[in-house]
């Protein structure tokens, strides 16, 4: 496809709202997934650290 201007590109023949909305939702979903994964890794590391500390106390 060839667009005459940037405005035509963003409008995409009248479907721009749906196309860019879909891209926006995917970007939001990916960002949310990354944030949730980081939080889960942080919790797992904290749990492993606590478990390690607890097992060290029992052996003393």
PDB file of N, CA and C in Angstrom:
ATOM      1  N   UNK A   1       0.834  -1.190   0.000  1.00  0.00           N
ATOM      2  CA  UNK A   1       0.000   0.000   0.000  1.00  0.00           C
ATOM      3  C   UNK A   1       0.870   1.242   0.000  1.00  0.00           C
ATOM      4  N   UNK A   2       0.338   2.266  -0.629  1.00  0.00           N
ATOM      5  CA  UNK A   2       1.043   3.542  -0.681  1.00  0.00           C
ATOM      6  C   UNK A   2       0.110   4.633  -0.180  1.00  0.00           C
ATOM      7  N   UNK A   3       0.581   5.426   0.768  1.00  0.00           N
ATOM      8  CA  UNK A   3      -0.221   6.511   1.309  1.00  0.00           C
ATOM      9  C   UNK A   3       0.341   7.841   0.832  1.00  0.00           C
ATOM     10  N   UNK A   4      -0.552   8.777   0.579  1.00  0.00           N
ATOM     11  CA  UNK A   4      -0.147  10.092   0.072  1.00  0.00           C
ATOM     12  C   UNK A   4       0.411  10.975   1.179  1.00  0.00           C
ATOM     13  N   UNK A   5       0.032  10.716   2.422  1.00  0.00           N
ATOM     14  CA  UNK A   5       0.506  11.542   3.544  1.00  0.00           C
ATOM     15  C   UNK A   5       0.523  10.708   4.820  1.00  0.00           C
ATOM     16  N   UNK A   6       1.124  11.282   5.848  1.00  0.00           N
ATOM     17  CA  UNK A   6       1.140  10.603   7.147  1.00  0.00           C
ATOM     18  C   UNK A   6      -0.266  10.483   7.705  1.00  0.00           C
ATOM     19  N   UNK A   7      -1.095  11.457   7.448  1.00  0.00           N
ATOM     20  CA  UNK A   7      -2.477  11.405   7.923  1.00  0.00           C
ATOM     21  C   UNK A   7      -3.204  10.208   7.305  1.00  0.00           C
ATOM     22  N   UNK A   8      -2.984   9.973   6.021  1.00  0.00           N
ATOM     23  CA  UNK A   8      -3.570   8.792   5.375  1.00  0.00           C
ATOM     24  C   UNK A   8      -3.027   7.502   5.973  1.00  0.00           C
ATOM     25  N   UNK A   9      -1.731   7.516   6.294  1.00  0.00           N
ATOM     26  CA  UNK A   9      -1.129   6.331   6.914  1.00  0.00           C
ATOM     27  C   UNK A   9      -1.798   6.029   8.243  1.00  0.00           C
ATOM     28  N   UNK A  10      -1.936   7.036   9.117  1.00  0.00           N
ATOM     29  CA  UNK A  10      -2.537   6.812  10.432  1.00  0.00           C
ATOM     30  C   UNK A  10      -4.014   6.436  10.321  1.00  0.00           C
ATOM     31  N   UNK A  11      -4.725   6.978   9.321  1.00  0.00           N
ATOM     32  CA  UNK A  11      -6.141   6.665   9.138  1.00  0.00           C
ATOM     33  C   UNK A  11      -6.343   5.277   8.544  1.00  0.00           C
ATOM     34  N   UNK A  12      -5.404   4.808   7.740  1.00  0.00           N
ATOM     35  CA  UNK A  12      -5.439   3.485   7.112  1.00  0.00           C
ATOM     36  C   UNK A  12      -6.775   3.199   6.435  1.00  0.00           C
ATOM     37  N   UNK A  13      -7.214   4.120   5.634  1.00  0.00           N
ATOM     38  CA  UNK A  13      -8.444   3.905   4.868  1.00  0.00           C
ATOM     39  C   UNK A  13      -9.678   3.772   5.729  1.00  0.00           C
ATOM     40  N   UNK A  14      -9.688   4.411   6.894  1.00  0.00           N
ATOM     41  CA  UNK A  14     -10.843   4.352   7.786  1.00  0.00           C
ATOM     42  C   UNK A  14     -10.755   3.269   8.847  1.00  0.00           C
ATOM     43  N   UNK A  15      -9.761   2.405   8.759  1.00  0.00           N
ATOM     44  CA  UNK A  15      -9.618   1.312   9.731  1.00  0.00           C
ATOM     45  C   UNK A  15      -8.529   1.587  10.755  1.00  0.00           C
ATOM     46  N   UNK A  16      -7.948   2.751  10.712  1.00  0.00           N
ATOM     47  CA  UNK A  16      -6.824   3.085  11.587  1.00  0.00           C
ATOM     48  C   UNK A  16      -7.135   2.934  13.065  1.00  0.00           C
ATOM     49  N   UNK A  17      -8.329   3.355  13.469  1.00  0.00           N
ATOM     50  CA  UNK A  17      -8.693   3.265  14.888  1.00  0.00           C
ATOM     51  C   UNK A  17      -8.620   1.818  15.374  1.00  0.00           C
ATOM     52  N   UNK A  18      -9.094   0.893  14.558  1.00  0.00           N
ATOM     53  CA  UNK A  18      -9.099  -0.521  14.953  1.00  0.00           C
ATOM     54  C   UNK A  18      -7.698  -1.125  14.900  1.00  0.00           C
ATOM     55  N   UNK A  19      -6.973  -0.776  13.852  1.00  0.00           N
ATOM     56  CA  UNK A  19      -5.619  -1.311  13.703  1.00  0.00           C
ATOM     57  C   UNK A  19      -4.725  -0.815  14.824  1.00  0.00           C
ATOM     58  N   UNK A  20      -4.692   0.487  15.051  1.00  0.00           N
ATOM     59  CA  UNK A  20      -3.818   1.045  16.091  1.00  0.00           C
ATOM     60  C   UNK A  20      -4.316   0.696  17.483  1.00  0.00           C
ATOM     61  N   UNK A  21      -5.624   0.548  17.632  1.00  0.00           N
ATOM     62  CA  UNK A  21      -6.157   0.083  18.915  1.00  0.00           C
ATOM     63  C   UNK A  21      -5.697  -1.326  19.240  1.00  0.00           C
ATOM     64  N   UNK A  22      -5.670  -2.186  18.222  1.00  0.00           N
ATOM     65  CA  UNK A  22      -5.195  -3.560  18.417  1.00  0.00           C
ATOM     66  C   UNK A  22      -3.719  -3.571  18.780  1.00  0.00           C
ATOM     67  N   UNK A  23      -2.914  -2.757  18.083  1.00  0.00           N
ATOM     68  CA  UNK A  23      -1.494  -2.657  18.432  1.00  0.00           C
ATOM     69  C   UNK A  23      -1.328  -2.151  19.865  1.00  0.00           C
ATOM     70  N   UNK A  24      -2.125  -1.190  20.255  1.00  0.00           N
ATOM     71  CA  UNK A  24      -2.055  -0.657  21.613  1.00  0.00           C
ATOM     72  C   UNK A  24      -2.394  -1.697  22.664  1.00  0.00           C
ATOM     73  N   UNK A  25      -3.442  -2.483  22.408  1.00  0.00           N
ATOM     74  CA  UNK A  25      -3.821  -3.530  23.360  1.00  0.00           C
ATOM     75  C   UNK A  25      -2.743  -4.602  23.481  1.00  0.00           C
ATOM     76  N   UNK A  26      -2.145  -4.965  22.374  1.00  0.00           N
ATOM     77  CA  UNK A  26      -1.064  -5.958  22.414  1.00  0.00           C
ATOM     78  C   UNK A  26       0.129  -5.407  23.189  1.00  0.00           C
ATOM     79  N   UNK A  27       0.483  -4.151  22.956  1.00  0.00           N
ATOM     80  CA  UNK A  27       1.598  -3.537  23.685  1.00  0.00           C
ATOM     81  C   UNK A  27       1.298  -3.496  25.182  1.00  0.00           C
ATOM     82  N   UNK A  28       0.052  -3.164  25.541  1.00  0.00           N
ATOM     83  CA  UNK A  28      -0.343  -3.143  26.947  1.00  0.00           C
ATOM     84  C   UNK A  28      -0.270  -4.542  27.563  1.00  0.00           C
ATOM     85  N   UNK A  29      -0.736  -5.544  26.828  1.00  0.00           N
ATOM     86  CA  UNK A  29      -0.686  -6.922  27.333  1.00  0.00           C
ATOM     87  C   UNK A  29       0.754  -7.389  27.522  1.00  0.00           C
ATOM     88  N   UNK A  30       1.632  -7.054  26.585  1.00  0.00           N
ATOM     89  CA  UNK A  30       3.037  -7.446  26.717  1.00  0.00           C
ATOM     90  C   UNK A  30       3.704  -6.746  27.900  1.00  0.00           C
ATOM     91  N   UNK A  31       3.432  -5.463  28.078  1.00  0.00           N
ATOM     92  CA  UNK A  31       4.005  -4.732  29.209  1.00  0.00           C
ATOM     93  C   UNK A  31       3.504  -5.304  30.533  1.00  0.00           C
ATOM     94  N   UNK A  32       2.219  -5.637  30.600  1.00  0.00           N
ATOM     95  CA  UNK A  32       1.653  -6.236  31.812  1.00  0.00           C
ATOM     96  C   UNK A  32       2.297  -7.587  32.090  1.00  0.00           C
ATOM     97  N   UNK A  33       2.493  -8.385  31.055  1.00  0.00           N
ATOM     98  CA  UNK A  33       3.126  -9.699  31.221  1.00  0.00           C
ATOM     99  C   UNK A  33       4.551  -9.571  31.752  1.00  0.00           C
ATOM    100  N   UNK A  34       5.310  -8.613  31.231  1.00  0.00           N
ATOM    101  CA  UNK A  34       6.682  -8.393  31.702  1.00  0.00           C
ATOM    102  C   UNK A  34       6.677  -7.970  33.166  1.00  0.00           C
ATOM    103  N   UNK A  35       5.782  -7.049  33.535  1.00  0.00           N
ATOM    104  CA  UNK A  35       5.716  -6.604  34.939  1.00  0.00           C
ATOM    105  C   UNK A  35       5.334  -7.746  35.867  1.00  0.00           C
ATOM    106  N   UNK A  36       4.368  -8.568  35.458  1.00  0.00           N
ATOM    107  CA  UNK A  36       3.955  -9.692  36.296  1.00  0.00           C
ATOM    108  C   UNK A  36       5.066 -10.728  36.416  1.00  0.00           C
ATOM    109  N   UNK A  37       5.788 -10.976  35.343  1.00  0.00           N
ATOM    110  CA  UNK A  37       6.895 -11.925  35.382  1.00  0.00           C
ATOM    111  C   UNK A  37       7.996 -11.440  36.311  1.00  0.00           C
ATOM    112  N   UNK A  38       8.335 -10.159  36.243  1.00  0.00           N
ATOM    113  CA  UNK A  38       9.355  -9.607  37.143  1.00  0.00           C
ATOM    114  C   UNK A  38       8.942  -9.735  38.597  1.00  0.00           C
ATOM    115  N   UNK A  39       7.671  -9.467  38.885  1.00  0.00           N
ATOM    116  CA  UNK A  39       7.184  -9.591  40.260  1.00  0.00           C
ATOM    117  C   UNK A  39       7.251 -11.044  40.728  1.00  0.00           C
ATOM    118  N   UNK A  40       6.901 -11.981  39.842  1.00  0.00           N
ATOM    119  CA  UNK A  40       6.940 -13.395  40.206  1.00  0.00           C
ATOM    120  C   UNK A  40       8.368 -13.870  40.454  1.00  0.00           C
ATOM    121  N   UNK A  41       9.303 -13.415  39.645  1.00  0.00           N
ATOM    122  CA  UNK A  41      10.709 -13.777  39.845  1.00  0.00           C
ATOM    123  C   UNK A  41      11.214 -13.193  41.153  1.00  0.00           C
ATOM    124  N   UNK A  42      10.833 -11.943  41.447  1.00  0.00           N
ATOM    125  CA  UNK A  42      11.253 -11.304  42.694  1.00  0.00           C
ATOM    126  C   UNK A  42      10.726 -12.079  43.901  1.00  0.00           C
ATOM    127  N   UNK A  43       9.443 -12.497  43.840  1.00  0.00           N
ATOM    128  CA  UNK A  43       8.871 -13.277  44.942  1.00  0.00           C
ATOM    129  C   UNK A  43       9.555 -14.623  45.086  1.00  0.00           C
ATOM    130  N   UNK A  44       9.876 -15.275  43.973  1.00  0.00           N
ATOM    131  CA  UNK A  44      10.541 -16.581  44.023  1.00  0.00           C
ATOM    132  C   UNK A  44      11.937 -16.451  44.625  1.00  0.00           C
ATOM    133  N   UNK A  45      12.664 -15.406  44.245  1.00  0.00           N
ATOM    134  CA  UNK A  45      13.995 -15.198  44.826  1.00  0.00           C
ATOM    135  C   UNK A  45      13.911 -14.925  46.319  1.00  0.00           C
ATOM    136  N   UNK A  46      12.928 -14.132  46.709  1.00  0.00           N
ATOM    137  CA  UNK A  46      12.755 -13.841  48.136  1.00  0.00           C
ATOM    138  C   UNK A  46      12.405 -15.110  48.909  1.00  0.00           C
ATOM    139  N   UNK A  47      11.537 -15.926  48.347  1.00  0.00           N
ATOM    140  CA  UNK A  47      11.159 -17.185  48.998  1.00  0.00           C
ATOM    141  C   UNK A  47      12.367 -18.111  49.102  1.00  0.00           C
ATOM    142  N   UNK A  48      13.174 -18.185  48.057  1.00  0.00           N
ATOM    143  CA  UNK A  48      14.375 -19.029  48.097  1.00  0.00           C
ATOM    144  C   UNK A  48      15.350 -18.509  49.145  1.00  0.00           C
ATOM    145  N   UNK A  49      15.481 -17.195  49.252  1.00  0.00           N
ATOM    146  CA  UNK A  49      16.372 -16.612  50.250  1.00  0.00           C
ATOM    147  C   UNK A  49      15.863 -16.921  51.656  1.00  0.00           C
ATOM    148  N   UNK A  50      14.552 -16.796  51.865  1.00  0.00           N
ATOM    149  CA  UNK A  50      13.990 -17.097  53.187  1.00  0.00           C
ATOM    150  C   UNK A  50      14.174 -18.571  53.536  1.00  0.00           C
ATOM    151  N   UNK A  51      13.942 -19.453  52.565  1.00  0.00           N
ATOM    152  CA  UNK A  51      14.098 -20.888  52.790  1.00  0.00           C
ATOM    153  C   UNK A  51      15.549 -21.214  53.120  1.00  0.00           C
ATOM    154  N   UNK A  52      16.457 -20.567  52.424  1.00  0.00           N
ATOM    155  CA  UNK A  52      17.882 -20.786  52.682  1.00  0.00           C
ATOM    156  C   UNK A  52      18.241 -20.320  54.081  1.00  0.00           C
ATOM    157  N   UNK A  53      17.764 -19.151  54.475  1.00  0.00           N
ATOM    158  CA  UNK A  53      18.034 -18.638  55.813  1.00  0.00           C
ATOM    159  C   UNK A  53      17.440 -19.560  56.876  1.00  0.00           C
ATOM    160  N   UNK A  54      16.238 -20.071  56.637  1.00  0.00           N
ATOM    161  CA  UNK A  54      15.574 -20.943  57.587  1.00  0.00           C
ATOM    162  C   UNK A  54      16.339 -22.254  57.753  1.00  0.00           C
ATOM    163  N   UNK A  55      16.813 -22.817  56.642  1.00  0.00           N
ATOM    164  CA  UNK A  55      17.545 -24.089  56.738  1.00  0.00           C
ATOM    165  C   UNK A  55      18.894 -23.893  57.420  1.00  0.00           C
ATOM    166  N   UNK A  56      19.514 -22.745  57.259  1.00  0.00           N
ATOM    167  CA  UNK A  56      20.783 -22.479  57.932  1.00  0.00           C
ATOM    168  C   UNK A  56      20.581 -22.376  59.438  1.00  0.00           C
ATOM    169  N   UNK A  57      19.461 -21.786  59.867  1.00  0.00           N
ATOM    170  CA  UNK A  57      19.175 -21.662  61.298  1.00  0.00           C
ATOM    171  C   UNK A  57      18.948 -23.035  61.939  1.00  0.00           C
ATOM    172  N   UNK A  58      18.311 -23.948  61.196  1.00  0.00           N
ATOM    173  CA  UNK A  58      18.057 -25.272  61.747  1.00  0.00           C
ATOM    174  C   UNK A  58      19.319 -26.088  61.925  1.00  0.00           C
ATOM    175  N   UNK A  59      20.308 -25.881  61.094  1.00  0.00           N
ATOM    176  CA  UNK A  59      21.534 -26.675  61.179  1.00  0.00           C
ATOM    177  C   UNK A  59      22.462 -26.164  62.257  1.00  0.00           C
ATOM    178  N   UNK A  60      22.230 -24.998  62.772  1.00  0.00           N
ATOM    179  CA  UNK A  60      23.121 -24.449  63.795  1.00  0.00           C
ATOM    180  C   UNK A  60      22.821 -24.977  65.164  1.00  0.00           C
TER     181      UNK A  60
END
